[in-house]
Protein backbone atom coordinates (compact mmCIF):
# COMPACT_ATOMS: atom_id res chain seq x y z
CA MET A 1 0.00 0.00 0.00
CA THR A 2 1.36 3.43 -0.93
CA ILE A 3 1.37 6.40 1.42
CA LEU A 4 -1.35 8.10 -0.63
CA GLU A 5 -3.51 4.97 -0.54
CA LYS A 6 -3.14 4.83 3.25
CA ILE A 7 -4.10 8.52 3.58
CA GLU A 8 -7.19 7.99 1.42
CA GLU A 9 -8.13 4.85 3.38
CA VAL A 10 -8.04 6.76 6.69
CA VAL A 11 -9.81 9.83 5.28
CA SER A 12 -12.60 7.66 3.86
CA LYS A 13 -13.50 6.58 7.41
CA TYR A 14 -14.48 10.19 8.14
CA TYR A 15 -16.94 10.53 5.28
CA GLU A 16 -20.48 11.12 6.55
CA PRO A 17 -23.01 10.06 3.88
CA THR A 18 -26.01 11.66 5.61
CA ASP A 19 -24.34 15.09 5.34
CA ASP A 20 -22.39 14.24 2.16
CA CYS A 21 -19.14 15.54 3.63
CA THR A 22 -15.90 14.53 5.29
CA LYS A 23 -15.61 15.47 8.95
CA ARG A 24 -12.67 16.04 11.30
CA PHE A 25 -13.87 13.46 13.84
CA ARG A 26 -15.83 10.22 13.85
CA TYR A 27 -17.30 7.69 16.28
CA ASP A 28 -17.09 3.93 16.05
CA LYS A 29 -19.94 1.54 16.89
CA ASP A 30 -18.98 1.72 20.61
CA GLU A 31 -19.12 5.55 20.53
CA ASN A 32 -15.32 5.94 20.83
CA GLU A 33 -14.19 9.26 19.36
CA PHE A 34 -11.43 9.49 16.72
CA TRP A 35 -9.78 12.59 15.23
CA ILE A 36 -8.52 12.52 11.65
CA GLU A 37 -5.13 14.15 12.28
CA LYS A 38 -4.29 11.81 15.17
CA GLU A 39 -5.35 8.69 13.25
CA LEU A 40 -3.34 9.77 10.19
CA GLU A 41 -0.29 10.41 12.35
CA GLU A 42 -0.52 6.95 13.89
CA GLU A 43 -1.08 5.22 10.54
CA LEU A 44 1.66 7.07 8.67
CA GLU A 45 4.48 7.22 11.21
CA ASN A 46 5.94 3.90 10.04
CA LEU A 47 5.22 4.41 6.33
CA VAL A 48 6.76 7.84 5.80
CA LYS A 49 10.54 7.95 5.73
CA GLY A 50 11.52 11.48 6.72
CA ASP A 51 9.45 14.53 7.48
CA LEU A 52 5.69 14.29 7.89
CA SER A 53 3.43 17.27 8.60
CA ILE A 54 -0.29 16.94 9.32
CA LYS A 55 -2.33 20.06 10.01
CA VAL A 56 -5.97 21.05 10.07
CA VAL A 57 -6.39 24.70 9.10
CA ASP A 58 -9.50 26.81 9.77
CA ALA A 59 -10.93 28.01 6.46
CA TYR A 60 -14.45 29.34 7.17
CA SER A 61 -16.85 29.53 10.07
CA SER A 62 -20.41 30.77 10.54
CA CYS A 63 -23.12 30.08 13.11
CA ASN A 64 -24.00 26.58 11.83
CA TYR A 65 -21.37 25.74 9.21
CA GLU A 66 -17.61 25.27 9.55
CA VAL A 67 -14.97 24.39 6.96
CA ASP A 68 -11.44 23.25 7.77
CA VAL A 69 -8.74 21.99 5.42
CA LEU A 70 -6.70 18.89 6.16
CA VAL A 71 -3.14 19.29 4.88
CA VAL A 72 -0.65 16.40 4.80
CA ALA A 73 2.89 17.05 3.52
CA TYR A 74 5.26 14.10 3.14
CA HIS A 75 7.96 12.55 0.98
CA ASP A 76 6.62 9.63 -1.06
CA GLU A 77 8.32 6.35 -1.87
CA SER A 78 10.50 8.01 -4.53
CA ASP A 79 11.46 10.83 -2.09
CA THR A 80 9.31 13.40 -3.91
CA LEU A 81 7.59 15.99 -1.74
CA GLN A 82 3.80 15.50 -1.87
CA LEU A 83 0.93 17.61 -0.58
CA TYR A 84 -2.50 16.13 0.12
CA THR A 85 -5.47 18.37 0.95
CA LYS A 86 -9.08 17.61 1.84
CA LYS A 87 -11.97 19.87 2.78
CA LEU A 88 -13.52 18.96 6.15
CA GLU A 89 -17.02 20.20 7.01
CA LEU A 90 -19.19 20.44 10.06
CA HIS A 91 -22.87 21.40 9.80
C-alpha cells in the first residue's frame, strides 16, 4: 500500500453520507471518538521515511457551518515531496 492509498483509506472513514461531507472526527460503533489528524499520524508514522506534517487549518466559520482543510505534507516512496489536501465540514 502506498502512502497516498493509506491517507485515502483513513480519510474515507471520516466521510459522513447523511451530510455528504468529510468530517474532522468520527465515532465507532462503541461511541469511541477518533480525530482525523491523530489517526493519520498513527497510521503514517511507520510508512513515511523522513518529514511528515499533518495540520488542520481553519478556512471558514459561521453560526452553523464550519470548513477546515486537512493538509498532509510528506515525501513519497521516490522521495518526492507530496501535498495532500481535503476539505472537512461540520454542519
